[in-house]
Amino acid sequence: MISYLTQEPAKKYSRIKNILFSVELVLTVLFLYVMATQGPSVWIRNFAERLSDNPWVSTAVYYAVFGAVFTAVTFTLDMYQGYSIERKFSLSNQSFSGWLKDYAKKLALSGLMFFVLTEMLYFFLRVSDRAWWAWTAAFWILFTIILSRIAPVFKVKQLTDEDLRSRVLNLAAKCGAKVNGVYEIDLSSKTVKANAALAGLGKTRRILLGDTLLKEYSHEEIEVVLAHELGHHRRGHMAKILVFGAITSFAGFYAASLVFQGFSDMAGLRGVSDLAGFPLLALIFTFFALMMMPVQNGISRAFERQADRFALEITQHPDAFISMMNKLGDQNLSDKEPGRLEEIFLYDHPPIGKRVKMAEEFKSR
């Protein structure tokens, strides 16, 4: 049976998060539109080119100024989403200074990643105004694969529970997954939410268990959680996601090139490699990502259902799966039965209510 002990706050939390997602989307679109059509992008371009006539340097300056303005515009919303709401619903243990420190780190890492992409994007735009989309898509795919192979950076320590460690490693071996260790990660200093992951690729693959998971869940429940993650490995979901990502990347960059070529003249740009066209390009990519969201989420939900079935089959612990899902939903304030449209557009996992129902059907069989 589905636990509804926390569904009233969970549904309220979900509604607020969905509203904030919509507000963030509208704010981003409006910001990019104003930057592209009302002159600010041209001003930033002129400033960058006055500082240096080297295209790599001027691109870096433009990116830095543009990023600083965007961060200033969105900071309050980011703070409300990432800190205020989490504290209001007692899901965060972080102080404001702790959240601010993590926010700065995340901003620096994501900023560096998109800086590299932006520099390469404008390099390809300068080299080939027709084939830039293919070169950029290929670079983005390669860049994504390299990032996925880098060992995830967490504060970790070796799992000291030998019984659980043995269970987890035996389960990984049974699923044909080679891992370099089982680690405990400190989540409780920041959140009350529970999580686990099979992180990294190849030699960097490791099993990560949140301390919030270890404190609240039985060994059988944790085994089921890990079996689900191992199910993604066994079913080859990572490779399929990379293939799908490659296809959508080429399709997205090609579509963007067609639209951008048509709008660049209307926007008064000096050509496709004009830095002032950056917000227009970003706006095109935003709309493409929005259109692809239901497709990507649908594929992700299908993979998650396969991983759930694999976890049930490999462990034969449907009761542990059901109790784990209900506890996880209550602990993370998940809406267990959202509306269908909400599920299609916003959920990359099946709702917990459907996952519990599948486990109950598995148990009855």
Protein backbone atom coordinates (compact mmCIF):
# COMPACT_ATOMS: atom_id res chain seq x y z
CA MET A 1 0.00 0.00 0.00
CA ILE A 2 1.12 3.56 -0.73
CA SER A 3 1.91 5.65 2.33
CA TYR A 4 0.09 8.98 2.30
CA LEU A 5 1.46 10.24 5.63
CA THR A 6 3.36 13.09 3.97
CA GLN A 7 1.47 13.50 0.71
CA GLU A 8 -0.10 16.84 1.61
CA PRO A 9 3.27 18.59 2.14
CA ALA A 10 4.74 16.52 -0.71
CA LYS A 11 2.10 17.75 -3.13
CA LYS A 12 2.56 21.33 -1.93
CA TYR A 13 6.34 21.00 -2.32
CA SER A 14 5.88 19.55 -5.81
CA ARG A 15 3.52 22.37 -6.87
CA ILE A 16 5.96 25.03 -5.69
CA LYS A 17 8.88 23.34 -7.48
CA ASN A 18 6.84 23.12 -10.70
CA ILE A 19 5.84 26.78 -10.47
CA LEU A 20 9.46 27.79 -9.89
CA PHE A 21 10.53 25.70 -12.89
CA SER A 22 8.04 27.62 -15.04
CA VAL A 23 9.15 30.97 -13.62
CA GLU A 24 12.79 30.11 -14.27
CA LEU A 25 12.00 29.13 -17.85
CA VAL A 26 10.03 32.33 -18.53
CA LEU A 27 12.73 34.46 -16.90
CA THR A 28 15.46 32.81 -18.99
CA VAL A 29 13.52 33.27 -22.24
CA LEU A 30 12.75 36.91 -21.47
CA PHE A 31 16.37 37.59 -20.53
CA LEU A 32 17.70 36.05 -23.75
CA TYR A 33 15.07 37.87 -25.83
CA VAL A 34 15.94 41.26 -24.31
CA MET A 35 19.66 40.63 -24.69
CA ALA A 36 19.24 39.57 -28.33
CA THR A 37 16.84 42.26 -29.52
CA GLN A 38 17.18 45.32 -27.31
CA GLY A 39 20.89 46.08 -27.65
CA PRO A 40 22.70 44.74 -24.54
CA SER A 41 24.36 41.90 -26.47
CA VAL A 42 25.75 44.37 -29.02
CA TRP A 43 27.08 46.58 -26.21
CA ILE A 44 28.85 43.64 -24.57
CA ARG A 45 30.29 42.57 -27.93
CA ASN A 46 31.62 46.06 -28.62
CA PHE A 47 33.15 46.21 -25.14
CA ALA A 48 34.82 42.80 -25.59
CA GLU A 49 36.22 43.71 -29.01
CA ARG A 50 37.57 47.03 -27.72
CA LEU A 51 39.51 45.16 -25.05
CA SER A 52 41.09 42.76 -27.54
CA ASP A 53 41.02 42.03 -31.25
CA ASN A 54 42.02 38.42 -30.54
CA PRO A 55 38.81 36.40 -31.13
CA TRP A 56 39.58 33.91 -28.33
CA VAL A 57 40.08 36.72 -25.82
CA SER A 58 37.06 38.75 -26.96
CA THR A 59 34.90 35.62 -26.75
CA ALA A 60 36.13 35.02 -23.19
CA VAL A 61 35.38 38.62 -22.20
CA TYR A 62 31.90 38.49 -23.77
CA TYR A 63 31.16 35.19 -22.02
CA ALA A 64 32.35 36.51 -18.65
CA VAL A 65 30.22 39.69 -18.83
CA PHE A 66 27.17 37.89 -20.22
CA GLY A 67 27.45 35.18 -17.55
CA ALA A 68 27.85 37.74 -14.75
CA VAL A 69 24.71 39.61 -15.86
CA PHE A 70 22.70 36.38 -16.15
CA THR A 71 23.86 35.23 -12.71
CA ALA A 72 22.84 38.57 -11.19
CA VAL A 73 19.39 38.31 -12.79
CA THR A 74 18.75 34.72 -11.67
CA PHE A 75 20.49 34.66 -8.27
CA THR A 76 17.42 35.47 -6.17
CA LEU A 77 15.39 32.74 -7.87
CA ASP A 78 18.26 30.26 -7.51
CA MET A 79 18.52 31.09 -3.81
CA TYR A 80 14.78 30.65 -3.31
CA GLN A 81 14.77 27.31 -5.15
CA GLY A 82 17.96 25.88 -3.76
CA TYR A 83 17.91 27.22 -0.21
CA SER A 84 14.69 28.83 1.01
CA ILE A 85 12.23 26.17 -0.19
CA GLU A 86 14.44 23.31 0.97
CA ARG A 87 14.70 24.88 4.43
CA LYS A 88 10.98 25.66 4.56
CA PHE A 89 10.12 21.99 4.02
CA SER A 90 12.88 20.78 6.38
CA LEU A 91 14.76 19.04 3.57
CA SER A 92 18.02 20.95 4.01
CA ASN A 93 20.50 21.02 6.89
CA GLN A 94 22.70 23.67 5.32
CA SER A 95 23.32 27.14 6.65
CA PHE A 96 23.04 29.98 4.17
CA SER A 97 26.81 30.38 4.10
CA GLY A 98 27.17 26.65 3.36
CA TRP A 99 24.64 26.85 0.54
CA LEU A 100 26.35 29.96 -0.84
CA LYS A 101 29.70 28.16 -0.86
CA ASP A 102 28.23 25.19 -2.75
CA TYR A 103 26.44 27.55 -5.13
CA ALA A 104 29.73 29.29 -5.93
CA LYS A 105 31.46 25.95 -6.57
CA LYS A 106 28.65 24.76 -8.83
CA LEU A 107 28.65 28.08 -10.67
CA ALA A 108 32.41 27.87 -11.22
CA LEU A 109 32.31 24.28 -12.51
CA SER A 110 29.32 24.77 -14.81
CA GLY A 111 30.72 28.13 -15.93
CA LEU A 112 34.04 26.52 -16.86
CA MET A 113 32.31 23.74 -18.78
CA PHE A 114 30.16 26.11 -20.83
CA PHE A 115 33.10 28.47 -21.31
CA VAL A 116 34.98 25.67 -23.09
CA LEU A 117 31.91 24.87 -25.19
CA THR A 118 31.36 28.56 -26.07
CA GLU A 119 34.98 29.07 -27.13
CA MET A 120 34.83 26.00 -29.36
CA LEU A 121 31.42 26.97 -30.73
CA TYR A 122 32.72 30.36 -31.90
CA PHE A 123 35.91 28.81 -33.22
CA PHE A 124 33.81 26.51 -35.45
CA LEU A 125 31.54 29.42 -36.40
CA ARG A 126 34.59 31.42 -37.53
CA VAL A 127 36.10 28.47 -39.42
CA SER A 128 32.93 27.32 -41.21
CA ASP A 129 29.69 29.28 -41.29
CA ARG A 130 27.89 26.28 -42.85
CA ALA A 131 29.31 23.17 -41.17
CA TRP A 132 29.82 24.67 -37.70
CA TRP A 133 26.83 22.78 -36.34
CA ALA A 134 28.36 19.37 -37.19
CA TRP A 135 31.75 20.21 -35.69
CA THR A 136 30.16 21.65 -32.54
CA ALA A 137 27.87 18.65 -32.09
CA ALA A 138 30.81 16.25 -32.48
CA PHE A 139 32.87 18.23 -29.97
CA TRP A 140 29.95 18.35 -27.49
CA ILE A 141 29.47 14.56 -27.70
CA LEU A 142 33.18 13.91 -27.15
CA PHE A 143 33.29 16.43 -24.32
CA THR A 144 30.29 14.76 -22.63
CA ILE A 145 31.91 11.31 -22.86
CA ILE A 146 35.15 12.63 -21.34
CA LEU A 147 33.24 14.25 -18.47
CA SER A 148 31.33 11.02 -17.79
CA ARG A 149 34.59 9.10 -17.42
CA ILE A 150 36.01 11.48 -14.83
CA ALA A 151 35.69 10.11 -11.32
CA PRO A 152 32.92 11.97 -9.47
CA VAL A 153 34.20 14.37 -6.83
CA PHE A 154 32.68 13.68 -3.40
CA LYS A 155 33.89 13.61 0.16
CA VAL A 156 33.82 9.85 0.61
CA LYS A 157 35.03 7.23 3.01
CA GLN A 158 35.18 3.45 2.79
CA LEU A 159 32.00 1.72 3.91
CA THR A 160 32.72 0.21 7.34
CA ASP A 161 29.68 -2.10 7.50
CA GLU A 162 31.36 -5.30 6.31
CA ASP A 163 28.13 -7.27 5.98
CA LEU A 164 26.54 -4.62 3.75
CA ARG A 165 29.79 -4.14 1.82
CA SER A 166 29.94 -7.88 1.11
CA ARG A 167 26.29 -7.95 0.04
CA VAL A 168 26.77 -5.00 -2.30
CA LEU A 169 29.96 -6.34 -3.91
CA ASN A 170 28.40 -9.79 -4.38
CA LEU A 171 25.39 -8.15 -6.01
CA ALA A 172 27.67 -6.14 -8.33
CA ALA A 173 29.57 -9.30 -9.30
CA LYS A 174 26.29 -11.13 -9.91
CA CYS A 175 25.28 -8.31 -12.27
CA GLY A 176 28.63 -8.37 -14.08
CA ALA A 177 29.66 -4.89 -12.95
CA LYS A 178 33.26 -4.21 -11.98
CA VAL A 179 33.57 -1.57 -9.27
CA ASN A 180 36.61 -0.21 -7.48
CA GLY A 181 34.95 0.03 -4.08
CA VAL A 182 31.92 0.85 -1.95
CA TYR A 183 31.92 4.29 -0.35
CA GLU A 184 29.81 6.30 2.04
CA ILE A 185 29.15 9.91 1.10
CA ASP A 186 28.21 12.66 3.53
CA LEU A 187 24.76 13.91 2.56
CA SER A 188 23.36 14.57 6.03
CA SER A 189 25.40 17.74 6.49
CA LYS A 190 23.45 19.26 3.59
CA THR A 191 20.14 17.42 3.19
CA VAL A 192 17.80 14.88 4.75
CA LYS A 193 17.17 13.30 1.35
CA ALA A 194 18.50 9.79 0.73
CA ASN A 195 20.37 8.70 -2.37
CA ALA A 196 22.74 6.12 -3.83
CA ALA A 197 24.54 5.82 -7.14
CA LEU A 198 26.74 3.71 -9.36
CA ALA A 199 29.00 6.56 -10.45
CA GLY A 200 31.73 6.89 -13.06
CA LEU A 201 32.74 4.70 -15.98
CA GLY A 202 35.40 2.06 -16.43
CA LYS A 203 38.10 2.20 -13.75
CA THR A 204 36.39 5.13 -12.02
CA ARG A 205 33.12 3.23 -11.41
CA ARG A 206 32.30 3.14 -7.73
CA ILE A 207 29.26 2.48 -5.56
CA LEU A 208 28.22 5.51 -3.51
CA LEU A 209 25.80 5.25 -0.59
CA GLY A 210 24.50 8.35 1.16
CA ASP A 211 24.79 8.30 4.93
CA THR A 212 21.11 9.29 5.06
CA LEU A 213 20.35 6.02 3.25
CA LEU A 214 22.54 3.95 5.57
CA LYS A 215 20.86 5.36 8.69
CA GLU A 216 17.25 4.77 7.69
CA TYR A 217 17.16 1.70 5.44
CA SER A 218 17.63 -2.03 5.99
CA HIS A 219 20.31 -4.01 4.17
CA GLU A 220 17.69 -5.60 1.92
CA GLU A 221 16.27 -2.18 1.01
CA ILE A 222 19.74 -0.87 0.21
CA GLU A 223 20.42 -3.96 -1.91
CA VAL A 224 17.28 -3.21 -3.93
CA VAL A 225 18.37 0.41 -4.43
CA LEU A 226 21.77 -0.73 -5.71
CA ALA A 227 20.22 -3.49 -7.82
CA HIS A 228 18.22 -0.79 -9.59
CA GLU A 229 21.39 1.18 -10.34
CA LEU A 230 23.14 -1.98 -11.49
CA GLY A 231 20.15 -2.69 -13.70
CA HIS A 232 21.02 0.40 -15.72
CA HIS A 233 24.49 -1.06 -16.22
CA ARG A 234 23.20 -4.53 -17.13
CA ARG A 235 20.66 -3.21 -19.62
CA GLY A 236 23.22 -0.94 -21.32
CA HIS A 237 21.26 2.21 -20.59
CA MET A 238 24.34 4.45 -20.44
CA ALA A 239 25.37 3.47 -23.97
CA LYS A 240 21.80 3.94 -25.22
CA ILE A 241 21.61 7.36 -23.59
CA LEU A 242 24.91 8.35 -25.24
CA VAL A 243 23.59 7.22 -28.65
CA PHE A 244 20.32 9.07 -28.14
CA GLY A 245 22.26 12.11 -26.94
CA ALA A 246 24.46 12.00 -30.04
CA ILE A 247 21.43 11.86 -32.34
CA THR A 248 19.63 14.70 -30.58
CA SER A 249 22.83 16.76 -30.45
CA PHE A 250 23.33 16.58 -34.21
CA ALA A 251 19.62 17.19 -34.81
CA GLY A 252 19.55 20.11 -32.38
CA PHE A 253 22.65 21.84 -33.70
CA TYR A 254 21.49 21.34 -37.31
CA ALA A 255 18.05 22.78 -36.55
CA ALA A 256 19.70 25.66 -34.71
CA SER A 257 21.92 26.39 -37.72
CA LEU A 258 18.91 26.63 -40.02
CA VAL A 259 16.95 28.90 -37.69
CA PHE A 260 19.98 31.01 -36.75
CA GLN A 261 20.94 31.54 -40.38
CA GLY A 262 17.49 32.94 -41.09
CA PHE A 263 17.28 35.16 -38.01
CA SER A 264 20.87 36.47 -38.03
CA ASP A 265 20.13 38.86 -40.93
CA MET A 266 16.89 40.03 -39.29
CA ALA A 267 18.79 40.67 -36.03
CA GLY A 268 21.34 42.83 -37.86
CA LEU A 269 24.29 40.60 -37.03
CA ARG A 270 27.56 40.85 -38.94
CA GLY A 271 27.41 37.12 -39.66
CA VAL A 272 26.89 33.85 -37.83
CA SER A 273 30.17 34.26 -35.92
CA ASP A 274 29.11 37.64 -34.50
CA LEU A 275 29.34 37.44 -30.69
CA ALA A 276 26.21 39.57 -30.42
CA GLY A 277 24.25 36.57 -31.72
CA PHE A 278 25.03 34.46 -28.65
CA PRO A 279 21.71 35.07 -26.82
CA LEU A 280 19.80 34.32 -30.04
CA LEU A 281 21.60 30.99 -30.35
CA ALA A 282 20.95 30.26 -26.68
CA LEU A 283 17.27 31.07 -27.17
CA ILE A 284 17.03 28.63 -30.09
CA PHE A 285 18.70 25.87 -28.06
CA THR A 286 16.34 26.58 -25.12
CA PHE A 287 13.25 26.07 -27.28
CA PHE A 288 14.72 22.90 -28.83
CA ALA A 289 15.50 21.50 -25.37
CA LEU A 290 11.97 22.33 -24.24
CA MET A 291 10.46 20.48 -27.22
CA MET A 292 12.68 17.46 -26.59
CA MET A 293 11.92 17.31 -22.86
CA PRO A 294 8.83 15.02 -23.09
CA VAL A 295 10.72 12.64 -25.41
CA GLN A 296 13.81 12.51 -23.20
CA ASN A 297 11.73 12.07 -20.05
CA GLY A 298 9.68 9.32 -21.70
CA ILE A 299 12.82 7.37 -22.63
CA SER A 300 14.26 7.91 -19.16
CA ARG A 301 11.06 6.62 -17.50
CA ALA A 302 11.16 3.52 -19.72
CA PHE A 303 14.77 2.84 -18.65
CA GLU A 304 13.85 3.35 -14.99
CA ARG A 305 11.00 0.83 -15.29
CA GLN A 306 13.41 -1.69 -16.81
CA ALA A 307 15.87 -1.09 -13.95
CA ASP A 308 13.06 -1.55 -11.40
CA ARG A 309 12.06 -4.88 -12.94
CA PHE A 310 15.70 -5.97 -13.01
CA ALA A 311 16.08 -5.10 -9.30
CA LEU A 312 13.01 -7.16 -8.41
CA GLU A 313 14.15 -10.13 -10.49
CA ILE A 314 17.77 -10.16 -9.29
CA THR A 315 16.98 -9.69 -5.56
CA GLN A 316 13.54 -11.32 -5.28
CA HIS A 317 12.75 -8.80 -2.53
CA PRO A 318 9.45 -7.15 -3.57
CA ASP A 319 8.55 -6.29 0.03
CA ALA A 320 11.88 -4.52 0.50
CA PHE A 321 11.34 -2.70 -2.81
CA ILE A 322 7.87 -1.53 -1.75
CA SER A 323 8.95 -0.38 1.72
CA MET A 324 12.05 1.29 0.27
CA MET A 325 10.01 3.22 -2.31
CA ASN A 326 7.45 4.41 0.23
CA LYS A 327 10.15 5.48 2.68
CA LEU A 328 12.13 7.20 -0.08
CA GLY A 329 9.02 9.04 -1.26
CA ASP A 330 8.18 10.21 2.25
CA GLN A 331 11.77 11.19 3.05
CA ASN A 332 12.30 13.12 -0.22
CA LEU A 333 8.77 14.61 -0.26
CA SER A 334 7.94 13.05 -3.63
CA ASP A 335 4.44 13.38 -5.08
CA LYS A 336 3.54 9.71 -5.47
CA GLU A 337 0.63 10.24 -7.86
CA PRO A 338 1.14 13.42 -9.97
CA GLY A 339 -1.11 14.38 -12.87
CA ARG A 340 -0.47 12.70 -16.20
CA LEU A 341 0.66 15.86 -18.01
CA GLU A 342 2.97 16.71 -15.12
CA GLU A 343 4.46 13.23 -15.37
CA ILE A 344 4.97 13.43 -19.15
CA PHE A 345 6.69 16.81 -19.14
CA LEU A 346 8.54 16.91 -15.81
CA TYR A 347 9.22 13.39 -14.54
CA ASP A 348 12.30 11.48 -15.70
CA HIS A 349 11.39 8.65 -13.24
CA PRO A 350 8.01 6.93 -13.00
CA PRO A 351 5.98 8.28 -10.05
CA ILE A 352 6.49 6.25 -6.89
CA GLY A 353 2.86 5.16 -6.87
CA LYS A 354 3.33 3.39 -10.20
CA ARG A 355 6.62 1.83 -9.10
CA VAL A 356 5.00 0.44 -5.95
CA LYS A 357 2.08 -0.91 -7.97
CA MET A 358 4.47 -2.70 -10.34
CA ALA A 359 6.24 -4.29 -7.36
CA GLU A 360 2.95 -5.41 -5.88
CA GLU A 361 2.02 -7.03 -9.19
CA PHE A 362 5.43 -8.72 -9.30
CA LYS A 363 4.88 -10.02 -5.78
CA SER A 364 1.45 -11.41 -6.64
CA ARG A 365 2.90 -13.32 -9.58
